[in-house]
Amino acid sequence: MRPGEFPIDASLVRRPLAAQFPRWAELPLKRFPSAGTVNALYRLGDDLTVRLPRIEGGAEDVAREAHWVPRLAPLLPAAVPEILATGTPGEGYPWPWMVQRWLDGEPPRAGRLSDPLPLAADLGAFVAALRRVRLPDGPTAYRGVPLSTADAMTRAALDELRGTIDTSAATAAWEAALAAPAWTGPPTWAHSDLMPGNLLTRGDRLDAVLDFGTVGVGDPACDLIPAWNLLPAEARDTFRRAAGADDAAWARGRGWALSMALIQLPDYRVTNPVIAANAEHVIHAVLTEADARPRDTNGTYIRIRSTLEACPRTSRARCSTRPTSSTSVS
């Protein structure tokens, strides 16, 4: 439990469900395991999902998704959640919540993609399709703002990670991203949280994209983060071409991926090993990418230390990853 997190269990979910949507009240209800930090997920019968914010900030996303997801859905090349009903506070639960259609599929995992090129092309096509959307009056995307707005939090995370990663290398990579030209185009639609747990695949192809609580308009570079949080180096060019990213956008996207990972790692390395493991993967991916690796004064590439190398032997189990069957990291 994090500060401000509301305790949710099946009995609590049953009460507003029965009061507001009695047609579904008798269906089997079971919590679905997730590495997510914002929402609790419950499988309702065979075809439905109940999604309830665990924190107040997530409650603000319900109205955004209910309004925009149905409008975006027909314009995108992958399935998105179908929102069947939105619930209101009551029966002991304090915030809005929703019932969605269940989506089958498997979340992809970094380092475990059998054939990453088709997925890279699909992800790039999804990002490009969002950029082509012309729905007016969109809200500001959560990460559609200038990269510099994350500078203070990123540097605070770097300070906290001293002794865990090579912070000199990470700082150099971060400052290189900050130096990239800013977005000067019109605000463009972006999902803004394309983490592996917010994706569903069938075979080697993208089948669905989940959790649109951060969707909006702004700099679309934030949607390039799968290049480092999921795809191996040999698939990044395929993704980049399909997404239509120029050099400046690519540098800013790399910066967003790095910033997110640096902030996540100290927050979750003990409490959420799935997210922490992905954050470590991102840091390593960014710092070992050929055109991003900082060099020392002799021209030698600087090497990042693994989080596991820095963990005391007795606590490595808490720093390592565990498999998850999550369909969302929301």
C-alpha atoms as a PDB file:
ATOM      1  CA  MET A   1       0.000   0.000   0.000  1.00  0.00           C
ATOM      2  CA  ARG A   2       1.206   3.460  -0.910  1.00  0.00           C
ATOM      3  CA  PRO A   3       0.202   6.639   0.937  1.00  0.00           C
ATOM      4  CA  GLY A   4      -3.293   7.598  -0.166  1.00  0.00           C
ATOM      5  CA  GLU A   5      -4.076   4.179  -1.644  1.00  0.00           C
ATOM      6  CA  PHE A   6      -7.614   2.992  -0.974  1.00  0.00           C
ATOM      7  CA  PRO A   7      -7.967  -0.620   0.241  1.00  0.00           C
ATOM      8  CA  ILE A   8      -9.983  -2.669  -2.258  1.00  0.00           C
ATOM      9  CA  ASP A   9     -11.172  -6.244  -2.007  1.00  0.00           C
ATOM     10  CA  ALA A  10     -13.834  -8.346  -3.707  1.00  0.00           C
ATOM     11  CA  SER A  11     -16.484  -7.647  -1.081  1.00  0.00           C
ATOM     12  CA  LEU A  12     -16.081  -3.910  -1.556  1.00  0.00           C
ATOM     13  CA  VAL A  13     -16.304  -4.265  -5.357  1.00  0.00           C
ATOM     14  CA  ARG A  14     -19.510  -6.294  -5.025  1.00  0.00           C
ATOM     15  CA  ARG A  15     -21.365  -3.531  -3.172  1.00  0.00           C
ATOM     16  CA  PRO A  16     -21.317  -0.702  -5.779  1.00  0.00           C
ATOM     17  CA  LEU A  17     -21.617  -3.287  -8.545  1.00  0.00           C
ATOM     18  CA  ALA A  18     -24.840  -4.659  -7.051  1.00  0.00           C
ATOM     19  CA  ALA A  19     -26.226  -1.192  -6.316  1.00  0.00           C
ATOM     20  CA  GLN A  20     -25.484   0.365  -9.705  1.00  0.00           C
ATOM     21  CA  PHE A  21     -25.363  -2.531 -12.174  1.00  0.00           C
ATOM     22  CA  PRO A  22     -27.457  -5.356 -10.724  1.00  0.00           C
ATOM     23  CA  ARG A  23     -27.498  -7.212 -14.062  1.00  0.00           C
ATOM     24  CA  TRP A  24     -23.848  -8.120 -13.421  1.00  0.00           C
ATOM     25  CA  ALA A  25     -24.001  -8.515  -9.660  1.00  0.00           C
ATOM     26  CA  GLU A  26     -24.190 -12.320  -9.591  1.00  0.00           C
ATOM     27  CA  LEU A  27     -21.342 -13.001 -12.018  1.00  0.00           C
ATOM     28  CA  PRO A  28     -18.161 -14.580 -10.619  1.00  0.00           C
ATOM     29  CA  LEU A  29     -15.680 -11.956  -9.452  1.00  0.00           C
ATOM     30  CA  LYS A  30     -11.963 -12.514  -8.985  1.00  0.00           C
ATOM     31  CA  ARG A  31      -9.076 -10.110  -8.571  1.00  0.00           C
ATOM     32  CA  PHE A  32      -6.730 -10.183 -11.542  1.00  0.00           C
ATOM     33  CA  PRO A  33      -3.013 -10.059 -10.663  1.00  0.00           C
ATOM     34  CA  SER A  34      -1.336  -6.928 -11.983  1.00  0.00           C
ATOM     35  CA  ALA A  35       1.933  -5.095 -11.527  1.00  0.00           C
ATOM     36  CA  GLY A  36      -0.010  -1.878 -11.983  1.00  0.00           C
ATOM     37  CA  THR A  37       0.158   0.887  -9.412  1.00  0.00           C
ATOM     38  CA  VAL A  38      -2.911   2.996 -10.234  1.00  0.00           C
ATOM     39  CA  ASN A  39      -5.863   0.625 -10.743  1.00  0.00           C
ATOM     40  CA  ALA A  40      -7.171  -2.617  -9.279  1.00  0.00           C
ATOM     41  CA  LEU A  41      -8.517  -5.095 -11.840  1.00  0.00           C
ATOM     42  CA  TYR A  42     -11.241  -7.690 -11.235  1.00  0.00           C
ATOM     43  CA  ARG A  43     -12.344 -10.293 -13.760  1.00  0.00           C
ATOM     44  CA  LEU A  44     -16.147 -10.296 -13.857  1.00  0.00           C
ATOM     45  CA  GLY A  45     -17.579 -13.448 -15.407  1.00  0.00           C
ATOM     46  CA  ASP A  46     -15.894 -14.479 -18.650  1.00  0.00           C
ATOM     47  CA  ASP A  47     -16.262 -11.293 -20.645  1.00  0.00           C
ATOM     48  CA  LEU A  48     -15.961  -8.293 -18.307  1.00  0.00           C
ATOM     49  CA  THR A  49     -13.404  -6.421 -16.223  1.00  0.00           C
ATOM     50  CA  VAL A  50     -14.068  -4.104 -13.292  1.00  0.00           C
ATOM     51  CA  ARG A  51     -11.374  -1.420 -13.075  1.00  0.00           C
ATOM     52  CA  LEU A  52     -11.180   0.686  -9.927  1.00  0.00           C
ATOM     53  CA  PRO A  53      -8.654   3.434  -9.173  1.00  0.00           C
ATOM     54  CA  ARG A  54      -6.534   2.733  -6.121  1.00  0.00           C
ATOM     55  CA  ILE A  55      -5.451   6.362  -5.735  1.00  0.00           C
ATOM     56  CA  GLU A  56      -7.241   9.675  -6.141  1.00  0.00           C
ATOM     57  CA  GLY A  57      -5.098  10.705  -9.114  1.00  0.00           C
ATOM     58  CA  GLY A  58      -6.294   7.659 -11.019  1.00  0.00           C
ATOM     59  CA  ALA A  59      -9.900   8.587 -10.378  1.00  0.00           C
ATOM     60  CA  GLU A  60      -9.471  11.628 -12.608  1.00  0.00           C
ATOM     61  CA  ASP A  61      -8.640   9.315 -15.519  1.00  0.00           C
ATOM     62  CA  VAL A  62     -12.058   7.624 -15.585  1.00  0.00           C
ATOM     63  CA  ALA A  63     -13.911  10.542 -17.171  1.00  0.00           C
ATOM     64  CA  ARG A  64     -11.059  11.158 -19.615  1.00  0.00           C
ATOM     65  CA  GLU A  65     -11.138   7.553 -20.823  1.00  0.00           C
ATOM     66  CA  ALA A  66     -14.932   7.375 -20.950  1.00  0.00           C
ATOM     67  CA  HIS A  67     -15.013  10.457 -23.166  1.00  0.00           C
ATOM     68  CA  TRP A  68     -12.068   9.876 -25.499  1.00  0.00           C
ATOM     69  CA  VAL A  69     -11.572   6.123 -25.897  1.00  0.00           C
ATOM     70  CA  PRO A  70     -14.816   5.547 -27.861  1.00  0.00           C
ATOM     71  CA  ARG A  71     -13.847   8.408 -30.182  1.00  0.00           C
ATOM     72  CA  LEU A  72     -10.301   7.160 -30.692  1.00  0.00           C
ATOM     73  CA  ALA A  73     -11.156   3.472 -31.077  1.00  0.00           C
ATOM     74  CA  PRO A  74     -12.267   3.505 -34.758  1.00  0.00           C
ATOM     75  CA  LEU A  75      -9.171   5.494 -35.750  1.00  0.00           C
ATOM     76  CA  LEU A  76      -6.579   3.077 -34.336  1.00  0.00           C
ATOM     77  CA  PRO A  77      -5.097  -0.134 -35.793  1.00  0.00           C
ATOM     78  CA  ALA A  78      -5.270  -2.138 -32.531  1.00  0.00           C
ATOM     79  CA  ALA A  79      -8.112  -2.979 -30.182  1.00  0.00           C
ATOM     80  CA  VAL A  80      -8.666  -0.685 -27.197  1.00  0.00           C
ATOM     81  CA  PRO A  81     -10.821  -1.198 -24.098  1.00  0.00           C
ATOM     82  CA  GLU A  82     -14.543  -1.026 -24.685  1.00  0.00           C
ATOM     83  CA  ILE A  83     -16.076   0.837 -21.765  1.00  0.00           C
ATOM     84  CA  LEU A  84     -19.488  -0.636 -21.028  1.00  0.00           C
ATOM     85  CA  ALA A  85     -20.394   1.394 -17.953  1.00  0.00           C
ATOM     86  CA  THR A  86     -18.956   3.974 -15.577  1.00  0.00           C
ATOM     87  CA  GLY A  87     -19.793   3.732 -11.902  1.00  0.00           C
ATOM     88  CA  THR A  88     -20.116   6.546  -9.405  1.00  0.00           C
ATOM     89  CA  PRO A  89     -18.804   6.817  -5.824  1.00  0.00           C
ATOM     90  CA  GLY A  90     -20.893   4.976  -3.285  1.00  0.00           C
ATOM     91  CA  GLU A  91     -21.319   1.910  -1.114  1.00  0.00           C
ATOM     92  CA  GLY A  92     -18.018   2.580   0.625  1.00  0.00           C
ATOM     93  CA  TYR A  93     -15.959   3.295  -2.501  1.00  0.00           C
ATOM     94  CA  PRO A  94     -14.943   6.971  -2.942  1.00  0.00           C
ATOM     95  CA  TRP A  95     -14.245   7.466  -6.674  1.00  0.00           C
ATOM     96  CA  PRO A  96     -15.617   6.823 -10.184  1.00  0.00           C
ATOM     97  CA  TRP A  97     -14.877   3.388 -11.653  1.00  0.00           C
ATOM     98  CA  MET A  98     -15.705   1.435 -14.797  1.00  0.00           C
ATOM     99  CA  VAL A  99     -16.721  -1.869 -16.311  1.00  0.00           C
ATOM    100  CA  GLN A 100     -14.916  -2.818 -19.515  1.00  0.00           C
ATOM    101  CA  ARG A 101     -15.083  -5.628 -22.023  1.00  0.00           C
ATOM    102  CA  TRP A 102     -12.423  -8.257 -21.279  1.00  0.00           C
ATOM    103  CA  LEU A 103      -9.601  -8.364 -23.839  1.00  0.00           C
ATOM    104  CA  ASP A 104      -7.657 -11.573 -24.334  1.00  0.00           C
ATOM    105  CA  GLY A 105      -3.962 -11.506 -25.067  1.00  0.00           C
ATOM    106  CA  GLU A 106      -0.540 -11.745 -23.491  1.00  0.00           C
ATOM    107  CA  PRO A 107       1.548  -8.784 -22.303  1.00  0.00           C
ATOM    108  CA  PRO A 108       4.928  -8.841 -24.066  1.00  0.00           C
ATOM    109  CA  ARG A 109       8.057  -8.994 -21.943  1.00  0.00           C
ATOM    110  CA  ALA A 110      11.352  -7.311 -22.687  1.00  0.00           C
ATOM    111  CA  GLY A 111      14.008  -9.861 -23.499  1.00  0.00           C
ATOM    112  CA  ARG A 112      11.458 -12.569 -24.277  1.00  0.00           C
ATOM    113  CA  LEU A 113      10.197 -11.638 -27.740  1.00  0.00           C
ATOM    114  CA  SER A 114      10.574 -14.559 -30.140  1.00  0.00           C
ATOM    115  CA  ASP A 115      10.320 -12.345 -33.259  1.00  0.00           C
ATOM    116  CA  PRO A 116      10.344  -8.638 -32.333  1.00  0.00           C
ATOM    117  CA  LEU A 117      10.206  -7.142 -35.837  1.00  0.00           C
ATOM    118  CA  PRO A 118       6.457  -7.634 -36.471  1.00  0.00           C
ATOM    119  CA  LEU A 119       5.649  -6.220 -33.037  1.00  0.00           C
ATOM    120  CA  ALA A 120       7.987  -3.274 -33.647  1.00  0.00           C
ATOM    121  CA  ALA A 121       6.199  -2.501 -36.921  1.00  0.00           C
ATOM    122  CA  ASP A 122       2.782  -2.792 -35.272  1.00  0.00           C
ATOM    123  CA  LEU A 123       3.773  -0.502 -32.394  1.00  0.00           C
ATOM    124  CA  GLY A 124       5.168   2.070 -34.799  1.00  0.00           C
ATOM    125  CA  ALA A 125       1.970   1.948 -36.857  1.00  0.00           C
ATOM    126  CA  PHE A 126      -0.091   2.490 -33.703  1.00  0.00           C
ATOM    127  CA  VAL A 127       1.988   5.536 -32.720  1.00  0.00           C
ATOM    128  CA  ALA A 128       1.737   6.937 -36.253  1.00  0.00           C
ATOM    129  CA  ALA A 129      -2.029   6.391 -36.312  1.00  0.00           C
ATOM    130  CA  LEU A 130      -2.429   8.331 -33.068  1.00  0.00           C
ATOM    131  CA  ARG A 131      -0.380  11.179 -34.543  1.00  0.00           C
ATOM    132  CA  ARG A 132      -2.777  11.337 -37.507  1.00  0.00           C
ATOM    133  CA  VAL A 133      -5.846  11.719 -35.290  1.00  0.00           C
ATOM    134  CA  ARG A 134      -7.469  15.121 -35.680  1.00  0.00           C
ATOM    135  CA  LEU A 135     -10.044  15.070 -32.896  1.00  0.00           C
ATOM    136  CA  PRO A 136     -10.249  18.648 -31.571  1.00  0.00           C
ATOM    137  CA  ASP A 137     -10.019  19.940 -27.993  1.00  0.00           C
ATOM    138  CA  GLY A 138      -7.982  17.057 -26.612  1.00  0.00           C
ATOM    139  CA  PRO A 139      -6.592  17.314 -23.074  1.00  0.00           C
ATOM    140  CA  THR A 140      -2.860  17.659 -22.523  1.00  0.00           C
ATOM    141  CA  ALA A 141      -1.182  14.258 -22.649  1.00  0.00           C
ATOM    142  CA  TYR A 142       0.441  13.294 -19.363  1.00  0.00           C
ATOM    143  CA  ARG A 143       3.899  13.214 -20.954  1.00  0.00           C
ATOM    144  CA  GLY A 144       3.121  15.427 -23.924  1.00  0.00           C
ATOM    145  CA  VAL A 145       4.870  18.334 -22.216  1.00  0.00           C
ATOM    146  CA  PRO A 146       8.492  19.470 -22.743  1.00  0.00           C
ATOM    147  CA  LEU A 147      11.042  16.950 -21.505  1.00  0.00           C
ATOM    148  CA  SER A 148      12.553  19.636 -19.278  1.00  0.00           C
ATOM    149  CA  THR A 149       9.489  19.488 -17.020  1.00  0.00           C
ATOM    150  CA  ALA A 150      10.814  16.135 -15.757  1.00  0.00           C
ATOM    151  CA  ASP A 151      14.292  17.470 -15.005  1.00  0.00           C
ATOM    152  CA  ALA A 152      13.901  18.074 -11.269  1.00  0.00           C
ATOM    153  CA  MET A 153      12.361  14.658 -10.562  1.00  0.00           C
ATOM    154  CA  THR A 154      14.894  12.909 -12.792  1.00  0.00           C
ATOM    155  CA  ARG A 155      17.859  14.540 -11.068  1.00  0.00           C
ATOM    156  CA  ALA A 156      16.378  13.741  -7.651  1.00  0.00           C
ATOM    157  CA  ALA A 157      16.122  10.093  -8.728  1.00  0.00           C
ATOM    158  CA  LEU A 158      19.717  10.170  -9.958  1.00  0.00           C
ATOM    159  CA  ASP A 159      20.827  11.387  -6.535  1.00  0.00           C
ATOM    160  CA  GLU A 160      18.873   8.595  -4.877  1.00  0.00           C
ATOM    161  CA  LEU A 161      20.398   5.983  -7.178  1.00  0.00           C
ATOM    162  CA  ARG A 162      24.033   6.821  -6.482  1.00  0.00           C
ATOM    163  CA  GLY A 163      25.831   3.570  -5.733  1.00  0.00           C
ATOM    164  CA  THR A 164      23.141   1.551  -7.506  1.00  0.00           C
ATOM    165  CA  ILE A 165      23.759   2.536 -11.139  1.00  0.00           C
ATOM    166  CA  ASP A 166      26.453   4.514 -12.902  1.00  0.00           C
ATOM    167  CA  THR A 167      24.905   7.903 -12.339  1.00  0.00           C
ATOM    168  CA  SER A 168      27.610   9.713 -14.322  1.00  0.00           C
ATOM    169  CA  ALA A 169      26.626   7.785 -17.439  1.00  0.00           C
ATOM    170  CA  ALA A 170      22.918   8.215 -16.761  1.00  0.00           C
ATOM    171  CA  THR A 171      23.312  11.953 -16.124  1.00  0.00           C
ATOM    172  CA  ALA A 172      25.219  12.386 -19.386  1.00  0.00           C
ATOM    173  CA  ALA A 173      22.512  10.517 -21.301  1.00  0.00           C
ATOM    174  CA  TRP A 174      19.800  12.597 -19.630  1.00  0.00           C
ATOM    175  CA  GLU A 175      21.520  15.876 -20.430  1.00  0.00           C
ATOM    176  CA  ALA A 176      21.984  14.773 -24.042  1.00  0.00           C
ATOM    177  CA  ALA A 177      18.239  14.190 -24.275  1.00  0.00           C
ATOM    178  CA  LEU A 178      17.503  17.594 -22.743  1.00  0.00           C
ATOM    179  CA  ALA A 179      19.688  19.185 -25.418  1.00  0.00           C
ATOM    180  CA  ALA A 180      17.550  17.788 -28.248  1.00  0.00           C
ATOM    181  CA  PRO A 181      15.472  20.323 -30.206  1.00  0.00           C
ATOM    182  CA  ALA A 182      12.040  20.841 -28.683  1.00  0.00           C
ATOM    183  CA  TRP A 183       8.778  19.899 -30.391  1.00  0.00           C
ATOM    184  CA  THR A 184       7.590  22.832 -32.495  1.00  0.00           C
ATOM    185  CA  GLY A 185       4.660  21.249 -34.291  1.00  0.00           C
ATOM    186  CA  PRO A 186       0.988  21.443 -33.357  1.00  0.00           C
ATOM    187  CA  PRO A 187      -0.205  19.368 -30.379  1.00  0.00           C
ATOM    188  CA  THR A 188      -0.510  15.756 -31.519  1.00  0.00           C
ATOM    189  CA  TRP A 189      -2.351  12.831 -29.948  1.00  0.00           C
ATOM    190  CA  ALA A 190      -0.294  10.448 -27.807  1.00  0.00           C
ATOM    191  CA  HIS A 191      -1.079   7.540 -25.491  1.00  0.00           C
ATOM    192  CA  SER A 192       1.730   8.657 -23.176  1.00  0.00           C
ATOM    193  CA  ASP A 193       2.180   5.391 -21.230  1.00  0.00           C
ATOM    194  CA  LEU A 194       3.110   2.614 -23.669  1.00  0.00           C
ATOM    195  CA  MET A 195       4.618   0.341 -21.038  1.00  0.00           C
ATOM    196  CA  PRO A 196       4.781  -3.401 -21.824  1.00  0.00           C
ATOM    197  CA  GLY A 197       1.975  -4.139 -19.365  1.00  0.00           C
ATOM    198  CA  ASN A 198      -0.327  -1.797 -21.270  1.00  0.00           C
ATOM    199  CA  LEU A 199       0.044  -3.883 -24.431  1.00  0.00           C
ATOM    200  CA  LEU A 200      -1.500  -7.213 -25.413  1.00  0.00           C
ATOM    201  CA  THR A 201      -0.096  -9.472 -28.097  1.00  0.00           C
ATOM    202  CA  ARG A 202      -1.143 -12.575 -30.010  1.00  0.00           C
ATOM    203  CA  GLY A 203       1.827 -14.460 -31.314  1.00  0.00           C
ATOM    204  CA  ASP A 204       4.318 -11.831 -32.407  1.00  0.00           C
ATOM    205  CA  ARG A 205       1.751  -9.142 -33.259  1.00  0.00           C
ATOM    206  CA  LEU A 206       0.225  -6.263 -31.326  1.00  0.00           C
ATOM    207  CA  ASP A 207      -3.418  -7.029 -30.602  1.00  0.00           C
ATOM    208  CA  ALA A 208      -4.570  -4.373 -28.117  1.00  0.00           C
ATOM    209  CA  VAL A 209      -3.442  -1.277 -26.235  1.00  0.00           C
ATOM    210  CA  LEU A 210      -4.790  -0.676 -22.730  1.00  0.00           C
ATOM    211  CA  ASP A 211      -5.103   2.118 -20.175  1.00  0.00           C
ATOM    212  CA  PHE A 212      -5.793   5.440 -21.872  1.00  0.00           C
ATOM    213  CA  GLY A 213      -5.834   7.415 -18.638  1.00  0.00           C
ATOM    214  CA  THR A 214      -2.833   9.453 -19.809  1.00  0.00           C
ATOM    215  CA  VAL A 215      -4.009  10.030 -23.397  1.00  0.00           C
ATOM    216  CA  GLY A 216      -4.068  13.531 -24.836  1.00  0.00           C
ATOM    217  CA  VAL A 217      -2.241  15.939 -27.108  1.00  0.00           C
ATOM    218  CA  GLY A 218       1.242  17.407 -27.011  1.00  0.00           C
ATOM    219  CA  ASP A 219       4.702  16.260 -28.062  1.00  0.00           C
ATOM    220  CA  PRO A 220       4.247  12.695 -29.395  1.00  0.00           C
ATOM    221  CA  ALA A 221       7.876  11.757 -28.597  1.00  0.00           C
ATOM    222  CA  CYS A 222       6.690  10.236 -25.325  1.00  0.00           C
ATOM    223  CA  ASP A 223       5.126   7.396 -27.338  1.00  0.00           C
ATOM    224  CA  LEU A 224       8.562   6.248 -28.508  1.00  0.00           C
ATOM    225  CA  ILE A 225       9.377   4.673 -25.126  1.00  0.00           C
ATOM    226  CA  PRO A 226       8.722   1.058 -26.299  1.00  0.00           C
ATOM    227  CA  ALA A 227      11.993   1.304 -28.240  1.00  0.00           C
ATOM    228  CA  TRP A 228      13.789   0.970 -24.915  1.00  0.00           C
ATOM    229  CA  ASN A 229      11.289  -0.528 -22.467  1.00  0.00           C
ATOM    230  CA  LEU A 230      10.407  -3.481 -24.717  1.00  0.00           C
ATOM    231  CA  LEU A 231      12.152  -3.786 -28.076  1.00  0.00           C
ATOM    232  CA  PRO A 232      15.685  -5.117 -28.577  1.00  0.00           C
ATOM    233  CA  ALA A 233      18.219  -2.960 -30.392  1.00  0.00           C
ATOM    234  CA  GLU A 234      17.794  -4.775 -33.699  1.00  0.00           C
ATOM    235  CA  ALA A 235      14.064  -3.914 -33.822  1.00  0.00           C
ATOM    236  CA  ARG A 236      14.303  -0.226 -32.989  1.00  0.00           C
ATOM    237  CA  ASP A 237      14.862   0.982 -36.543  1.00  0.00           C
ATOM    238  CA  THR A 238      11.739  -0.888 -37.675  1.00  0.00           C
ATOM    239  CA  PHE A 239       9.724   0.790 -34.924  1.00  0.00           C
ATOM    240  CA  ARG A 240      11.236   4.191 -35.622  1.00  0.00           C
ATOM    241  CA  ARG A 241      10.502   4.059 -39.356  1.00  0.00           C
ATOM    242  CA  ALA A 242       6.919   2.954 -38.784  1.00  0.00           C
ATOM    243  CA  ALA A 243       6.388   5.680 -36.175  1.00  0.00           C
ATOM    244  CA  GLY A 244       7.935   8.335 -38.413  1.00  0.00           C
ATOM    245  CA  ALA A 245      10.280   9.709 -35.741  1.00  0.00           C
ATOM    246  CA  ASP A 246      12.990  12.193 -36.703  1.00  0.00           C
ATOM    247  CA  ASP A 247      16.285  12.547 -34.838  1.00  0.00           C
ATOM    248  CA  ALA A 248      14.992  15.126 -32.376  1.00  0.00           C
ATOM    249  CA  ALA A 249      11.877  13.136 -31.504  1.00  0.00           C
ATOM    250  CA  TRP A 250      13.966   9.993 -31.094  1.00  0.00           C
ATOM    251  CA  ALA A 251      16.296  11.771 -28.663  1.00  0.00           C
ATOM    252  CA  ARG A 252      13.367  13.141 -26.654  1.00  0.00           C
ATOM    253  CA  GLY A 253      11.690   9.722 -26.616  1.00  0.00           C
ATOM    254  CA  ARG A 254      14.895   8.188 -25.301  1.00  0.00           C
ATOM    255  CA  GLY A 255      14.936  10.868 -22.636  1.00  0.00           C
ATOM    256  CA  TRP A 256      11.368  10.070 -21.573  1.00  0.00           C
ATOM    257  CA  ALA A 257      12.184   6.362 -21.354  1.00  0.00           C
ATOM    258  CA  LEU A 258      15.262   7.081 -19.252  1.00  0.00           C
ATOM    259  CA  SER A 259      13.520   9.584 -16.989  1.00  0.00           C
ATOM    260  CA  MET A 260      10.638   7.197 -16.307  1.00  0.00           C
ATOM    261  CA  ALA A 261      13.023   4.364 -15.490  1.00  0.00           C
ATOM    262  CA  LEU A 262      15.209   6.446 -13.190  1.00  0.00           C
ATOM    263  CA  ILE A 263      12.166   7.648 -11.252  1.00  0.00           C
ATOM    264  CA  GLN A 264      10.608   4.177 -11.083  1.00  0.00           C
ATOM    265  CA  LEU A 265      13.673   2.262  -9.936  1.00  0.00           C
ATOM    266  CA  PRO A 266      14.115   3.736  -6.441  1.00  0.00           C
ATOM    267  CA  ASP A 267      10.348   3.817  -5.898  1.00  0.00           C
ATOM    268  CA  TYR A 268       9.693   0.197  -6.854  1.00  0.00           C
ATOM    269  CA  ARG A 269      12.889  -1.858  -6.484  1.00  0.00           C
ATOM    270  CA  VAL A 270      11.530  -3.419  -3.291  1.00  0.00           C
ATOM    271  CA  THR A 271       7.751  -2.986  -3.527  1.00  0.00           C
ATOM    272  CA  ASN A 272       7.165  -3.760  -7.234  1.00  0.00           C
ATOM    273  CA  PRO A 273       9.888  -5.975  -8.739  1.00  0.00           C
ATOM    274  CA  VAL A 274       8.157  -6.192 -12.129  1.00  0.00           C
ATOM    275  CA  ILE A 275       8.306  -2.440 -12.723  1.00  0.00           C
ATOM    276  CA  ALA A 276      11.758  -2.202 -11.148  1.00  0.00           C
ATOM    277  CA  ALA A 277      13.117  -4.907 -13.451  1.00  0.00           C
ATOM    278  CA  ASN A 278      11.751  -3.091 -16.488  1.00  0.00           C
ATOM    279  CA  ALA A 279      13.242   0.179 -15.246  1.00  0.00           C
ATOM    280  CA  GLU A 280      16.636  -1.493 -14.971  1.00  0.00           C
ATOM    281  CA  HIS A 281      16.195  -2.903 -18.472  1.00  0.00           C
ATOM    282  CA  VAL A 282      15.468   0.596 -19.832  1.00  0.00           C
ATOM    283  CA  ILE A 283      18.492   2.176 -18.160  1.00  0.00           C
ATOM    284  CA  HIS A 284      20.751  -0.501 -19.585  1.00  0.00           C
ATOM    285  CA  ALA A 285      19.153  -0.230 -23.035  1.00  0.00           C
ATOM    286  CA  VAL A 286      19.554   3.549 -23.173  1.00  0.00           C
ATOM    287  CA  LEU A 287      23.135   3.566 -21.977  1.00  0.00           C
ATOM    288  CA  THR A 288      24.253   0.822 -24.317  1.00  0.00           C
ATOM    289  CA  GLU A 289      22.593   2.185 -27.452  1.00  0.00           C
ATOM    290  CA  ALA A 290      25.368   3.024 -29.871  1.00  0.00           C
ATOM    291  CA  ASP A 291      24.460   6.654 -30.499  1.00  0.00           C
ATOM    292  CA  ALA A 292      23.549   7.372 -26.879  1.00  0.00           C
ATOM    293  CA  ARG A 293      26.394   5.804 -24.900  1.00  0.00           C
ATOM    294  CA  PRO A 294      28.469   8.428 -23.087  1.00  0.00           C
ATOM    295  CA  ARG A 295      32.251   7.956 -23.331  1.00  0.00           C
ATOM    296  CA  ASP A 296      34.999   8.720 -20.862  1.00  0.00           C
ATOM    297  CA  THR A 297      37.977  10.952 -21.671  1.00  0.00           C
ATOM    298  CA  ASN A 298      39.744   8.052 -23.409  1.00  0.00           C
ATOM    299  CA  GLY A 299      36.781   7.432 -25.698  1.00  0.00           C
ATOM    300  CA  THR A 300      35.762   4.251 -23.899  1.00  0.00           C
ATOM    301  CA  TYR A 301      32.049   3.570 -23.460  1.00  0.00           C
ATOM    302  CA  ILE A 302      30.877   3.989 -19.872  1.00  0.00           C
ATOM    303  CA  ARG A 303      29.273   0.857 -18.440  1.00  0.00           C
ATOM    304  CA  ILE A 304      26.183   0.797 -16.224  1.00  0.00           C
ATOM    305  CA  ARG A 305      26.223  -1.370 -13.132  1.00  0.00           C
ATOM    306  CA  SER A 306      23.351  -3.774 -12.798  1.00  0.00           C
ATOM    307  CA  THR A 307      20.993  -3.165  -9.898  1.00  0.00           C
ATOM    308  CA  LEU A 308      21.577  -6.785  -8.905  1.00  0.00           C
ATOM    309  CA  GLU A 309      25.339  -6.158  -8.762  1.00  0.00           C
ATOM    310  CA  ALA A 310      24.713  -3.311  -6.334  1.00  0.00           C
ATOM    311  CA  CYS A 311      22.270  -5.223  -4.138  1.00  0.00           C
ATOM    312  CA  PRO A 312      23.662  -6.984  -1.082  1.00  0.00           C
ATOM    313  CA  ARG A 313      23.577 -10.746  -1.605  1.00  0.00           C
ATOM    314  CA  THR A 314      21.047 -11.194   1.186  1.00  0.00           C
ATOM    315  CA  SER A 315      18.538  -8.834  -0.438  1.00  0.00           C
ATOM    316  CA  ARG A 316      18.871  -9.825  -4.112  1.00  0.00           C
ATOM    317  CA  ALA A 317      15.604 -11.721  -4.089  1.00  0.00           C
ATOM    318  CA  ARG A 318      13.857  -8.444  -3.371  1.00  0.00           C
ATOM    319  CA  CYS A 319      15.635  -6.683  -6.243  1.00  0.00           C
ATOM    320  CA  SER A 320      15.109  -9.358  -8.882  1.00  0.00           C
ATOM    321  CA  THR A 321      12.161  -9.789 -11.183  1.00  0.00           C
ATOM    322  CA  ARG A 322       9.265 -12.195 -10.881  1.00  0.00           C
ATOM    323  CA  PRO A 323       6.920 -13.334 -13.649  1.00  0.00           C
ATOM    324  CA  THR A 324       3.540 -11.639 -13.769  1.00  0.00           C
ATOM    325  CA  SER A 325       0.321 -12.432 -15.570  1.00  0.00           C
ATOM    326  CA  SER A 326      -0.766  -8.799 -15.613  1.00  0.00           C
ATOM    327  CA  THR A 327      -2.788  -7.477 -18.520  1.00  0.00           C
ATOM    328  CA  SER A 328      -2.103  -3.897 -17.485  1.00  0.00           C
ATOM    329  CA  VAL A 329       0.361  -1.838 -15.514  1.00  0.00           C
ATOM    330  CA  SER A 330      -2.250   0.816 -15.034  1.00  0.00           C
END
